Protein backbone atom coordinates (compact mmCIF):
# COMPACT_ATOMS: atom_id res chain seq x y z
CA MET A 1 20.52 40.82 -46.00
CA ILE A 2 22.19 40.52 -49.76
CA ILE A 3 25.00 41.91 -51.46
CA PRO A 4 25.21 41.78 -54.54
CA LYS A 5 28.50 40.04 -56.29
CA ASN A 6 28.77 42.85 -59.19
CA LEU A 7 28.98 45.49 -56.63
CA VAL A 8 31.33 43.59 -54.73
CA GLU A 9 33.50 42.83 -57.63
CA ASN A 10 33.93 47.15 -58.76
CA LEU A 11 34.66 47.19 -55.05
CA GLY A 12 38.16 45.32 -55.65
CA GLY A 13 40.34 44.71 -53.87
CA GLU A 14 40.72 41.90 -50.73
CA LYS A 15 40.32 44.56 -47.86
CA VAL A 16 36.94 45.49 -49.29
CA LYS A 17 36.05 41.87 -49.73
CA ARG A 18 37.22 41.43 -46.33
CA GLU A 19 35.16 44.05 -44.91
CA THR A 20 31.69 43.51 -46.96
CA ALA A 21 32.42 39.13 -45.41
CA VAL A 22 32.50 41.14 -42.16
CA ILE A 23 29.10 43.35 -42.87
CA ILE A 24 27.24 39.94 -44.52
CA SER A 25 28.58 37.78 -40.95
CA ILE A 26 27.24 40.69 -38.93
CA SER A 27 24.08 41.38 -40.80
CA VAL A 28 23.22 37.18 -40.43
CA ILE A 29 23.84 37.40 -36.74
CA VAL A 30 21.58 39.98 -36.10
CA ALA A 31 18.66 38.84 -38.45
CA ALA A 32 18.52 35.59 -36.34
CA ILE A 33 18.98 37.06 -33.17
CA ILE A 34 15.82 39.35 -33.76
CA ILE A 35 14.36 36.48 -34.98
CA SER A 36 14.57 34.43 -32.03
CA ALA A 37 13.71 36.93 -30.10
CA GLY A 38 10.32 37.02 -32.04
CA TYR A 39 10.13 33.52 -31.57
CA TYR A 40 10.80 33.29 -27.30
CA ALA A 41 8.30 36.31 -27.03
CA THR A 42 5.33 34.70 -28.51
CA ARG A 43 5.90 31.66 -27.61
CA LYS A 44 4.13 30.34 -24.37
CA PRO A 45 6.59 28.93 -21.18
CA VAL A 46 6.72 25.00 -20.54
CA ALA A 47 5.12 24.52 -17.33
CA PRO A 48 7.46 21.93 -15.95
CA VAL A 49 6.12 18.14 -16.00
CA LYS A 50 5.16 17.18 -11.93
CA PRO A 51 6.03 13.95 -10.86
CA GLU A 52 3.12 11.11 -10.00
CA LEU A 53 2.74 11.01 -6.65
CA GLU A 54 2.74 6.77 -6.50
CA GLU A 55 2.55 6.13 -2.26
CA ILE A 56 0.87 8.28 0.35
CA ARG A 57 3.01 7.98 3.71
CA ILE A 58 0.25 7.99 6.57
CA GLY A 59 1.37 8.33 10.30
CA VAL A 60 -0.61 6.95 13.53
CA GLN A 61 -0.41 5.83 16.92
CA PRO A 62 -2.00 3.16 19.06
CA SER A 63 -4.48 5.13 20.72
CA ASP A 64 -8.21 5.31 20.06
CA HIS A 65 -8.00 8.88 19.40
CA HIS A 66 -7.12 7.98 16.12
CA VAL A 67 -10.34 5.87 15.27
CA ALA A 68 -11.10 7.99 11.83
CA ALA A 69 -7.07 6.65 10.83
CA PHE A 70 -8.13 3.67 11.51
CA LEU A 71 -11.27 3.13 9.64
CA ALA A 72 -10.12 5.02 6.79
CA LEU A 73 -7.02 2.04 7.00
CA GLU A 74 -9.21 -0.95 7.67
CA LYS A 75 -11.66 0.62 4.40
CA GLY A 76 -9.36 1.54 1.80
CA TRP A 77 -11.10 4.91 1.86
CA PHE A 78 -7.98 7.01 1.58
CA GLU A 79 -7.00 4.80 -1.55
CA GLU A 80 -10.47 4.58 -2.86
CA ALA A 81 -10.83 8.61 -2.76
CA THR A 82 -7.13 10.03 -3.84
CA GLY A 83 -6.42 6.60 -6.40
CA ILE A 84 -3.02 6.31 -4.33
CA LYS A 85 -1.60 3.60 -2.61
CA VAL A 86 -1.32 4.17 1.04
CA LYS A 87 1.19 2.36 3.78
CA HIS A 88 0.88 3.55 7.07
CA ALA A 89 2.81 3.22 10.22
CA ILE A 90 2.47 3.14 14.02
CA PHE A 91 4.59 5.38 16.67
CA PRO A 92 4.33 4.55 20.32
CA THR A 93 4.31 8.56 20.73
CA GLY A 94 4.45 11.63 18.46
CA PRO A 95 7.40 12.68 19.17
CA PRO A 96 9.07 9.94 17.67
CA GLU A 97 6.58 10.18 14.63
CA MET A 98 7.26 14.23 14.02
CA ASP A 99 10.89 12.64 13.87
CA ALA A 100 9.96 10.69 10.90
CA MET A 101 8.79 13.46 9.62
CA LEU A 102 11.15 15.94 9.99
CA ARG A 103 12.98 13.55 7.74
CA GLY A 104 10.71 13.23 5.16
CA GLU A 105 9.55 9.62 5.77
CA LEU A 106 6.19 10.38 5.91
CA ASP A 107 3.16 12.95 4.11
CA VAL A 108 0.06 12.37 6.48
CA ALA A 109 -0.16 12.42 9.92
CA TYR A 110 -2.48 11.93 12.94
CA VAL A 111 -0.44 13.16 15.37
CA GLY A 112 -0.85 15.06 19.04
CA ALA A 113 -0.93 19.23 18.66
CA ALA A 114 2.29 19.28 20.75
CA PRO A 115 4.78 17.11 19.20
CA PRO A 116 4.72 19.27 15.15
CA ILE A 117 5.61 22.40 17.49
CA PRO A 118 9.22 22.22 18.04
CA LYS A 119 9.64 20.79 14.86
CA ILE A 120 7.96 23.65 13.38
CA ALA A 121 10.27 25.69 15.81
CA LEU A 122 12.90 23.33 13.69
CA GLY A 123 11.82 24.38 9.91
CA MET A 124 9.75 20.97 9.31
CA PRO A 125 7.86 21.90 6.09
CA ALA A 126 4.10 20.85 7.27
CA LYS A 127 0.98 22.29 8.27
CA VAL A 128 -1.96 21.18 10.62
CA VAL A 129 -5.35 21.27 8.48
CA SER A 130 -7.36 19.65 10.76
CA VAL A 131 -8.87 19.11 14.41
CA VAL A 132 -8.97 15.21 14.89
CA HIS A 133 -10.20 16.17 19.22
CA MET A 134 -9.64 17.36 22.34
CA GLU A 135 -8.71 16.36 25.39
CA GLY A 136 -8.91 12.58 25.74
CA SER A 137 -5.72 10.99 28.04
CA ALA A 138 -6.22 10.59 32.00
CA VAL A 139 -4.50 9.74 35.36
CA VAL A 140 -4.29 6.63 36.94
CA ALA A 141 -2.96 5.99 40.03
CA THR A 142 -1.52 2.79 42.20
CA PRO A 143 -4.43 1.41 44.10
CA GLU A 144 -2.43 2.99 46.98
CA LEU A 145 -2.14 6.20 46.01
CA TYR A 146 -5.45 7.02 45.05
CA GLU A 147 -7.05 5.90 47.77
CA GLU A 148 -4.55 8.59 50.22
CA TYR A 149 -5.67 11.21 47.43
CA LYS A 150 -8.99 10.97 48.04
CA VAL A 151 -7.86 12.24 51.40
CA LYS A 152 -5.03 14.63 50.78
CA GLY A 153 -6.01 15.75 46.68
CA HIS A 154 -3.32 16.23 44.81
CA ASP A 155 -0.76 17.09 48.08
CA ALA A 156 -0.95 12.94 47.80
CA LEU A 157 1.08 13.46 44.37
CA GLU A 158 4.30 15.27 45.74
CA GLY A 159 7.03 12.58 46.10
CA LYS A 160 6.03 10.65 43.65
CA LYS A 161 6.87 9.39 39.99
CA ILE A 162 4.82 9.98 37.46
CA ALA A 163 4.68 8.27 34.09
CA THR A 164 3.72 9.57 30.32
CA TYR A 165 4.66 10.85 27.12
CA PRO A 166 8.10 12.10 26.22
CA PRO A 167 8.78 15.55 26.23
CA GLY A 168 7.40 17.46 23.45
CA SER A 169 3.70 14.95 23.32
CA ILE A 170 0.68 16.50 24.87
CA GLN A 171 0.30 14.51 27.62
CA HIS A 172 4.16 15.84 28.75
CA THR A 173 3.05 19.42 27.93
CA VAL A 174 -0.58 19.29 29.70
CA LEU A 175 0.72 17.60 32.68
CA SER A 176 3.81 20.31 33.13
CA LYS A 177 1.23 22.91 33.03
CA TRP A 178 -0.75 20.95 35.62
CA LEU A 179 2.33 20.41 37.60
CA LYS A 180 3.36 24.25 37.63
CA GLU A 181 -0.42 25.71 38.47
CA GLN A 182 -0.82 23.19 41.48
CA GLY A 183 2.74 23.92 42.68
CA LEU A 184 4.07 20.41 41.60
CA PHE A 185 6.38 21.33 39.04
CA GLY A 186 9.60 20.18 39.99
CA LYS A 187 8.12 18.17 43.02
CA VAL A 188 7.30 14.87 41.54
CA GLU A 189 9.59 12.54 38.73
CA VAL A 190 8.09 12.48 35.21
CA ILE A 191 9.38 9.37 33.53
CA PRO A 192 8.96 9.46 29.60
CA GLN A 193 7.21 6.20 28.52
CA GLY A 194 4.64 5.18 26.13
CA PRO A 195 2.02 3.02 26.39
CA LYS A 196 2.81 -0.37 27.41
CA GLU A 197 5.64 0.35 29.18
CA GLN A 198 3.03 2.83 31.43
CA VAL A 199 0.70 -0.25 32.26
CA GLU A 200 3.50 -2.40 33.15
CA SER A 201 5.39 0.38 34.84
CA LEU A 202 2.05 0.78 37.26
CA LYS A 203 1.68 -2.83 37.64
CA ALA A 204 5.50 -3.79 38.76
CA LYS A 205 4.82 -0.24 41.07
CA ALA A 206 8.01 0.86 39.61
CA VAL A 207 5.72 4.44 39.06
CA ASP A 208 3.23 5.57 41.53
CA VAL A 209 1.11 7.29 38.39
CA ILE A 210 0.90 7.48 34.69
CA PHE A 211 -1.07 9.79 32.68
CA GLY A 212 -1.60 8.60 29.10
CA PRO A 213 -4.23 8.56 26.12
CA SER A 214 -7.02 6.64 26.38
CA PRO A 215 -7.25 3.17 26.18
CA VAL A 216 -4.02 3.51 28.26
CA PRO A 217 -6.21 4.31 30.88
CA TYR A 218 -9.02 1.86 30.84
CA ASP A 219 -6.13 -0.83 29.95
CA ALA A 220 -4.77 -0.11 33.83
CA GLU A 221 -8.49 -0.19 35.64
CA ILE A 222 -9.35 -3.10 33.97
CA ARG A 223 -5.91 -5.33 35.31
CA GLY A 224 -6.50 -3.88 38.17
CA TYR A 225 -3.41 -1.84 37.97
CA GLY A 226 -4.43 1.02 39.33
CA LYS A 227 -7.77 3.56 39.17
CA VAL A 228 -8.45 7.02 37.38
CA ILE A 229 -8.02 10.36 39.55
CA LEU A 230 -8.10 12.83 37.31
CA SER A 231 -9.40 13.19 33.47
CA SER A 232 -7.25 15.68 30.64
CA GLU A 233 -10.35 17.29 30.81
CA ASP A 234 -9.77 17.85 35.08
CA LEU A 235 -5.79 19.35 34.13
CA TRP A 236 -6.68 21.78 31.22
CA ALA A 237 -10.35 21.47 30.07
CA LYS A 238 -10.82 21.76 26.08
CA HIS A 239 -7.39 21.08 25.49
CA PRO A 240 -6.08 20.80 22.34
CA CYS A 241 -5.09 16.90 21.76
CA CYS A 242 -4.46 15.32 18.07
CA VAL A 243 -4.29 16.85 14.94
CA LEU A 244 -4.33 15.78 11.66
CA LEU A 245 -0.46 17.06 9.22
CA ILE A 246 0.25 17.13 6.46
CA SER A 247 3.40 18.01 4.48
CA GLU A 248 3.90 21.19 2.71
CA LYS A 249 5.01 19.22 -0.29
CA ILE A 250 1.38 17.76 -0.48
CA LEU A 251 -0.39 20.59 -0.02
CA ARG A 252 1.27 22.83 -2.94
CA GLU A 253 2.23 20.04 -5.20
CA TYR A 254 -0.56 18.08 -5.16
CA PRO A 255 -3.95 20.56 -3.39
CA ASP A 256 -6.65 18.25 -5.00
CA VAL A 257 -4.84 15.28 -2.91
CA ALA A 258 -4.61 16.97 0.62
CA GLU A 259 -8.33 17.76 -0.20
CA LYS A 260 -9.68 14.34 -0.23
CA ILE A 261 -7.73 13.10 2.47
CA ILE A 262 -9.32 16.00 4.52
CA ALA A 263 -12.41 15.22 3.23
CA VAL A 264 -12.23 10.84 4.08
CA HIS A 265 -11.03 12.48 7.35
CA LEU A 266 -14.50 14.22 8.11
CA ILE A 267 -16.53 11.71 6.89
CA ALA A 268 -14.81 8.29 8.84
CA GLN A 269 -15.25 10.93 11.87
CA GLU A 270 -18.81 11.45 11.15
CA TYR A 271 -19.23 7.38 10.86
CA ALA A 272 -17.19 6.65 13.83
CA LEU A 273 -19.87 8.42 15.92
CA ARG A 274 -22.64 6.65 14.74
CA ALA A 275 -24.19 4.84 17.24
CA GLU A 276 -25.06 2.13 14.49
CA ASN A 277 -21.41 1.61 13.82
CA ARG A 278 -19.87 1.27 17.37
CA GLU A 279 -19.09 -2.11 17.22
CA VAL A 280 -17.21 -1.67 13.72
CA ILE A 281 -15.19 0.75 15.49
CA LEU A 282 -14.34 -1.29 18.78
CA GLU A 283 -13.01 -3.98 16.12
CA CYS A 284 -10.82 -1.72 14.53
CA ILE A 285 -9.18 0.35 17.47
CA GLU A 286 -8.25 -3.68 18.95
CA LYS A 287 -6.92 -4.47 15.70
CA TYR A 288 -5.01 -0.98 15.80
CA THR A 289 -4.20 -0.45 19.44
CA GLY A 290 -3.87 -4.14 20.13
CA ILE A 291 -5.84 -4.26 23.09
CA SER A 292 -9.10 -5.78 23.37
CA LYS A 293 -12.76 -5.17 22.23
CA GLU A 294 -14.13 -5.32 25.99
CA VAL A 295 -11.69 -2.91 27.85
CA ASN A 296 -12.14 -0.31 24.89
CA GLU A 297 -15.80 -0.64 25.77
CA PRO A 298 -15.62 2.91 27.39
CA TRP A 299 -15.13 4.88 24.53
CA PRO A 300 -15.21 7.70 23.55
CA LYS A 301 -15.92 8.19 27.77
CA PHE A 302 -12.48 10.85 27.37
CA ILE A 303 -12.67 12.12 24.20
CA HIS A 304 -14.00 15.11 23.01
CA TYR A 305 -13.73 14.95 18.92
CA VAL A 306 -14.39 18.04 16.48
CA THR A 307 -12.49 18.67 13.35
CA ASP A 308 -12.75 22.78 12.53
CA PRO A 309 -8.89 24.03 13.39
CA GLY A 310 -10.57 27.59 12.52
CA VAL A 311 -12.61 27.72 15.88
CA HIS A 312 -11.05 30.69 18.05
CA GLU A 313 -11.47 28.74 21.24
CA TRP A 314 -9.02 26.14 19.83
CA GLN A 315 -6.66 28.26 18.61
CA GLU A 316 -6.30 30.02 21.60
CA ALA A 317 -5.78 27.16 23.50
CA TYR A 318 -2.99 26.03 21.08
CA ASN A 319 -1.41 29.65 21.52
CA VAL A 320 -0.78 28.17 25.05
CA MET A 321 0.30 25.37 24.21
CA CYS A 322 2.54 26.99 22.13
CA LYS A 323 3.50 29.13 25.53
CA VAL A 324 4.09 26.08 27.32
CA GLN A 325 6.38 24.89 25.03
CA TYR A 326 8.36 27.58 24.94
CA ASP A 327 8.78 27.95 28.68
CA LEU A 328 9.98 24.79 29.08
CA GLY A 329 12.71 25.28 26.23
CA LEU A 330 11.14 22.88 24.10
CA THR A 331 10.73 24.93 20.70
CA LYS A 332 14.50 26.15 19.33
CA ASP A 333 15.43 26.58 15.63
CA VAL A 334 17.94 25.21 13.56
CA LYS A 335 21.04 26.93 15.91
CA GLY A 336 20.09 26.21 18.67
CA ARG A 337 18.00 29.72 19.81
CA ALA A 338 14.28 29.43 21.77
CA VAL A 339 11.77 30.52 19.75
CA LEU A 340 8.16 31.05 20.01
CA VAL A 341 5.64 29.71 18.00
CA SER A 342 1.89 30.44 17.24
CA VAL A 343 -1.19 29.43 15.21
CA GLY A 344 -0.26 31.34 12.66
CA ASP A 345 2.98 29.42 12.42
CA ILE A 346 1.56 25.73 12.55
CA VAL A 347 -1.88 25.80 10.93
CA ASP A 348 -2.88 26.64 7.39
CA GLY A 349 -7.07 26.67 7.27
CA MET A 350 -7.84 26.90 3.49
CA PRO A 351 -7.02 23.18 2.71
CA TYR A 352 -10.24 22.42 5.15
CA ARG A 353 -12.52 24.82 4.38
CA LYS A 354 -12.17 23.62 0.36
CA ALA A 355 -12.43 19.99 1.70
CA LEU A 356 -15.77 20.45 3.45
CA ASP A 357 -16.86 21.60 -0.59
CA ARG A 358 -15.54 18.55 -1.22
CA VAL A 359 -17.24 15.93 1.22
CA MET A 360 -20.49 14.70 -0.79
CA GLU A 361 -17.71 14.57 -3.81
CA VAL A 362 -15.99 11.76 -1.74
CA LYS A 363 -18.77 10.03 -0.41
CA GLY A 364 -20.28 9.36 -3.57
CA VAL A 365 -16.96 8.03 -4.57
CA LEU A 366 -16.79 6.02 -1.59
CA ASP A 367 -20.07 4.84 -2.24
CA LEU A 368 -21.69 6.23 1.05
CA THR A 369 -24.16 8.81 0.11
């Protein structure tokens, strides 16, 4: 707003001049506000720049359950499909692997379905996005107990020492459920041990029984330390075992990367199960488990490979697994209160469905079409 100079002079007096100056200042400020408001109202918001993902950190375990991961890592498929550097770490069992993920040290994990349950109860931001397989473990007894078991059945286990993976693992969860059903819970001593310790303990007869994922049972048998008396299918038919877990940060901020990782998993699992690729797979298992190809020859004896997390039967079994862990007092929130989690808290099936539509695209990138 502009006021003519002669008008100001005619009004006369310092008071009038001061009042006029105030009016001019206010008018300028109001005009500036109106112009600014119009500018910001019409300007499009600028989205924050997303930092580039420089590395994908993947956790695995030394078990033939994770053949898809071994194969994809060995062939560089995760890197080739995503264009991002991949770093992997091997964990002896699932609980320490999930400790690492809870600390934010992993983006992706091949892990048993059980270990994520207590960590997600604590608030770990990750989701199961694909199944890896069901079943896949076995109970091995010393030769002496094996003979006794043939006569007495389950009663032969009373008072015995059983080594298995730590609380929260698949094996501990499945074994606990079965011991309760047989009336043996609390009547056996359950000792937490990793795969190598189990075989050595059975050899030394420091324990009577081990329960672990393949190839641990094959290793114990071929060395003559014991014999298989039960498979995990006998303990709990079609129980969930390993899953593919991805952090919510990757799922939310880099969905394209997540879908490609899942697609690679689907491709690798399909490739691994073809008869003509068996020798390649046995070599991968040997490299990543440290157990010879000869010992791994029975693979995939105890394992039932599947991928779809949307199958109702699998989801119902997973809910049972959540309830078993709740009953064992393993699922608590950050305040230490018991909490029952379920499939809805743990599984996100949407990335899997999107990945299905990208399998052919990723196969083309991997030159597998």
